[in-house]
Each structure stands twice: as C-alpha cells, then as structure tokens.
Amino acid sequence: MDRTQHLALAAEAIDLATDLAHAAQRHAKTSARENAHACAAAVTAWTNVAAAHTALAALLPTTPKD
C-alpha cells in the first residue's frame, strides 16, 4: 500500500466513526440507550483504525518509487 491508499482508508474510517457517533447520540436520546454504548465502542475502534492508517501514511514517501 502506498501513502495515498492509507490516507484514503483513514478517511473512510473517520466517515464510519462519524456516522456511528451520530447513531450513538440518537440512541442516547431514545429508549434504545443500551445501543449507544456499542456505537460508542465502535467509534473508538474506527478512530484507532484511522490513526493507524495515518501513522503508516506518515512513514511512507509522498510519491511512490518507480
């Protein structure tokens, strides 16, 4: 994988984390509060995935070698 691919995967992970954070917020305001905890845990997991891909991208050159 090159830097661009890692950054794209990080962006996807952030999008998923954002969607799940909104879901957790919705669940917390309804009678389905027990689902909020699972969503919040998934937010943490996807944020960690994004951080890992970002860290890997930082280690790679900005342009791939030919």
N, C-alpha and C. Protein backbone atom coordinates (compact mmCIF):
# COMPACT_ATOMS: atom_id res chain seq x y z
N MET A 1 0.83 -1.18 0.00
CA MET A 1 0.00 0.00 0.00
C MET A 1 0.87 1.24 0.00
N ASP A 2 0.42 2.23 -0.73
CA ASP A 2 1.17 3.48 -0.72
C ASP A 2 0.48 4.49 0.20
N ARG A 3 1.09 5.65 0.32
CA ARG A 3 0.63 6.69 1.23
C ARG A 3 -0.80 7.11 0.92
N THR A 4 -1.10 7.30 -0.34
CA THR A 4 -2.43 7.74 -0.76
C THR A 4 -3.50 6.73 -0.36
N GLN A 5 -3.20 5.46 -0.51
CA GLN A 5 -4.16 4.42 -0.13
C GLN A 5 -4.41 4.42 1.38
N HIS A 6 -3.35 4.59 2.15
CA HIS A 6 -3.51 4.64 3.60
C HIS A 6 -4.35 5.86 4.01
N LEU A 7 -4.11 6.99 3.38
CA LEU A 7 -4.88 8.18 3.70
C LEU A 7 -6.35 8.02 3.31
N ALA A 8 -6.60 7.34 2.20
CA ALA A 8 -7.98 7.09 1.78
C ALA A 8 -8.69 6.18 2.79
N LEU A 9 -8.00 5.15 3.25
CA LEU A 9 -8.59 4.26 4.25
C LEU A 9 -8.82 4.98 5.58
N ALA A 10 -7.92 5.87 5.93
CA ALA A 10 -8.10 6.67 7.14
C ALA A 10 -9.35 7.55 7.02
N ALA A 11 -9.53 8.15 5.87
CA ALA A 11 -10.71 8.99 5.64
C ALA A 11 -11.99 8.17 5.72
N GLU A 12 -11.98 6.98 5.16
CA GLU A 12 -13.15 6.09 5.24
C GLU A 12 -13.45 5.72 6.68
N ALA A 13 -12.42 5.43 7.44
CA ALA A 13 -12.61 5.07 8.84
C ALA A 13 -13.19 6.24 9.64
N ILE A 14 -12.74 7.45 9.34
CA ILE A 14 -13.28 8.64 10.01
C ILE A 14 -14.75 8.83 9.65
N ASP A 15 -15.10 8.60 8.39
CA ASP A 15 -16.50 8.71 7.98
C ASP A 15 -17.37 7.71 8.74
N LEU A 16 -16.89 6.48 8.86
CA LEU A 16 -17.63 5.47 9.62
C LEU A 16 -17.75 5.86 11.09
N ALA A 17 -16.67 6.35 11.67
CA ALA A 17 -16.70 6.77 13.07
C ALA A 17 -17.70 7.91 13.27
N THR A 18 -17.73 8.83 12.34
CA THR A 18 -18.67 9.95 12.42
C THR A 18 -20.11 9.47 12.37
N ASP A 19 -20.40 8.57 11.43
CA ASP A 19 -21.75 8.01 11.32
C ASP A 19 -22.15 7.29 12.61
N LEU A 20 -21.23 6.53 13.16
CA LEU A 20 -21.52 5.80 14.39
C LEU A 20 -21.67 6.74 15.59
N ALA A 21 -20.93 7.82 15.60
CA ALA A 21 -21.08 8.80 16.68
C ALA A 21 -22.46 9.43 16.65
N HIS A 22 -22.93 9.73 15.44
CA HIS A 22 -24.28 10.26 15.30
C HIS A 22 -25.32 9.23 15.75
N ALA A 23 -25.10 7.99 15.40
CA ALA A 23 -26.01 6.92 15.82
C ALA A 23 -26.01 6.79 17.35
N ALA A 24 -24.85 6.86 17.95
CA ALA A 24 -24.76 6.78 19.41
C ALA A 24 -25.53 7.93 20.06
N GLN A 25 -25.40 9.09 19.47
CA GLN A 25 -26.10 10.26 20.00
C GLN A 25 -27.62 10.08 19.89
N ARG A 26 -28.07 9.56 18.75
CA ARG A 26 -29.50 9.31 18.57
C ARG A 26 -30.00 8.27 19.58
N HIS A 27 -29.24 7.19 19.74
CA HIS A 27 -29.64 6.13 20.67
C HIS A 27 -29.69 6.65 22.11
N ALA A 28 -28.75 7.51 22.44
CA ALA A 28 -28.70 8.03 23.82
C ALA A 28 -29.92 8.87 24.15
N LYS A 29 -30.56 9.42 23.14
CA LYS A 29 -31.73 10.28 23.36
C LYS A 29 -33.05 9.54 23.27
N THR A 30 -32.99 8.22 23.05
CA THR A 30 -34.22 7.45 22.89
C THR A 30 -34.26 6.33 23.92
N SER A 31 -35.26 5.48 23.78
CA SER A 31 -35.37 4.34 24.69
C SER A 31 -34.35 3.25 24.36
N ALA A 32 -33.61 3.40 23.26
CA ALA A 32 -32.60 2.41 22.86
C ALA A 32 -31.22 2.79 23.38
N ARG A 33 -31.17 3.30 24.60
CA ARG A 33 -29.91 3.77 25.17
C ARG A 33 -28.84 2.70 25.25
N GLU A 34 -29.26 1.45 25.41
CA GLU A 34 -28.26 0.37 25.52
C GLU A 34 -27.44 0.24 24.25
N ASN A 35 -27.98 0.68 23.12
CA ASN A 35 -27.23 0.63 21.85
C ASN A 35 -26.17 1.72 21.76
N ALA A 36 -26.32 2.76 22.53
CA ALA A 36 -25.37 3.87 22.49
C ALA A 36 -23.97 3.41 22.88
N HIS A 37 -23.88 2.53 23.86
CA HIS A 37 -22.57 2.05 24.32
C HIS A 37 -21.84 1.27 23.23
N ALA A 38 -22.58 0.43 22.52
CA ALA A 38 -21.96 -0.35 21.44
C ALA A 38 -21.49 0.58 20.32
N CYS A 39 -22.31 1.56 19.99
CA CYS A 39 -21.92 2.51 18.94
C CYS A 39 -20.68 3.30 19.36
N ALA A 40 -20.66 3.72 20.62
CA ALA A 40 -19.50 4.48 21.11
C ALA A 40 -18.23 3.64 21.07
N ALA A 41 -18.34 2.37 21.40
CA ALA A 41 -17.18 1.49 21.34
C ALA A 41 -16.70 1.32 19.90
N ALA A 42 -17.65 1.23 18.97
CA ALA A 42 -17.28 1.12 17.56
C ALA A 42 -16.63 2.40 17.06
N VAL A 43 -17.07 3.54 17.56
CA VAL A 43 -16.43 4.82 17.20
C VAL A 43 -14.96 4.78 17.60
N THR A 44 -14.68 4.31 18.80
CA THR A 44 -13.30 4.21 19.27
C THR A 44 -12.48 3.29 18.37
N ALA A 45 -13.06 2.17 18.00
CA ALA A 45 -12.34 1.21 17.15
C ALA A 45 -12.02 1.84 15.79
N TRP A 46 -12.99 2.47 15.16
CA TRP A 46 -12.75 3.07 13.84
C TRP A 46 -11.80 4.26 13.92
N THR A 47 -11.83 4.98 15.03
CA THR A 47 -10.88 6.07 15.21
C THR A 47 -9.46 5.52 15.32
N ASN A 48 -9.31 4.40 16.01
CA ASN A 48 -8.00 3.75 16.11
C ASN A 48 -7.52 3.26 14.74
N VAL A 49 -8.43 2.74 13.93
CA VAL A 49 -8.07 2.31 12.57
C VAL A 49 -7.58 3.52 11.76
N ALA A 50 -8.29 4.63 11.87
CA ALA A 50 -7.88 5.85 11.15
C ALA A 50 -6.51 6.32 11.61
N ALA A 51 -6.29 6.29 12.92
CA ALA A 51 -4.99 6.71 13.45
C ALA A 51 -3.87 5.81 12.96
N ALA A 52 -4.12 4.52 12.88
CA ALA A 52 -3.10 3.59 12.40
C ALA A 52 -2.76 3.86 10.94
N HIS A 53 -3.77 4.06 10.12
CA HIS A 53 -3.51 4.33 8.70
C HIS A 53 -2.80 5.68 8.52
N THR A 54 -3.16 6.64 9.33
CA THR A 54 -2.49 7.94 9.26
C THR A 54 -1.02 7.82 9.65
N ALA A 55 -0.76 7.05 10.69
CA ALA A 55 0.63 6.84 11.12
C ALA A 55 1.43 6.12 10.06
N LEU A 56 0.83 5.12 9.43
CA LEU A 56 1.53 4.41 8.35
C LEU A 56 1.79 5.34 7.17
N ALA A 57 0.82 6.16 6.84
CA ALA A 57 1.00 7.11 5.72
C ALA A 57 2.14 8.08 6.01
N ALA A 58 2.27 8.48 7.26
CA ALA A 58 3.33 9.42 7.63
C ALA A 58 4.72 8.82 7.44
N LEU A 59 4.82 7.51 7.50
CA LEU A 59 6.11 6.84 7.35
C LEU A 59 6.51 6.62 5.89
N LEU A 60 5.54 6.77 5.00
CA LEU A 60 5.80 6.48 3.58
C LEU A 60 6.13 7.75 2.81
N PRO A 61 6.85 7.61 1.72
CA PRO A 61 7.17 8.79 0.91
C PRO A 61 5.89 9.38 0.28
N THR A 62 5.96 10.67 -0.02
CA THR A 62 4.78 11.34 -0.57
C THR A 62 4.48 10.89 -2.00
N THR A 63 5.48 10.41 -2.71
CA THR A 63 5.27 9.87 -4.06
C THR A 63 5.85 8.48 -4.12
N PRO A 64 5.13 7.55 -4.74
CA PRO A 64 5.67 6.18 -4.83
C PRO A 64 6.90 6.13 -5.72
N LYS A 65 7.81 5.19 -5.38
CA LYS A 65 9.01 5.00 -6.20
C LYS A 65 8.63 4.24 -7.46
N ASP A 66 9.28 4.58 -8.56
CA ASP A 66 9.01 3.90 -9.83
C ASP A 66 9.72 2.57 -9.90
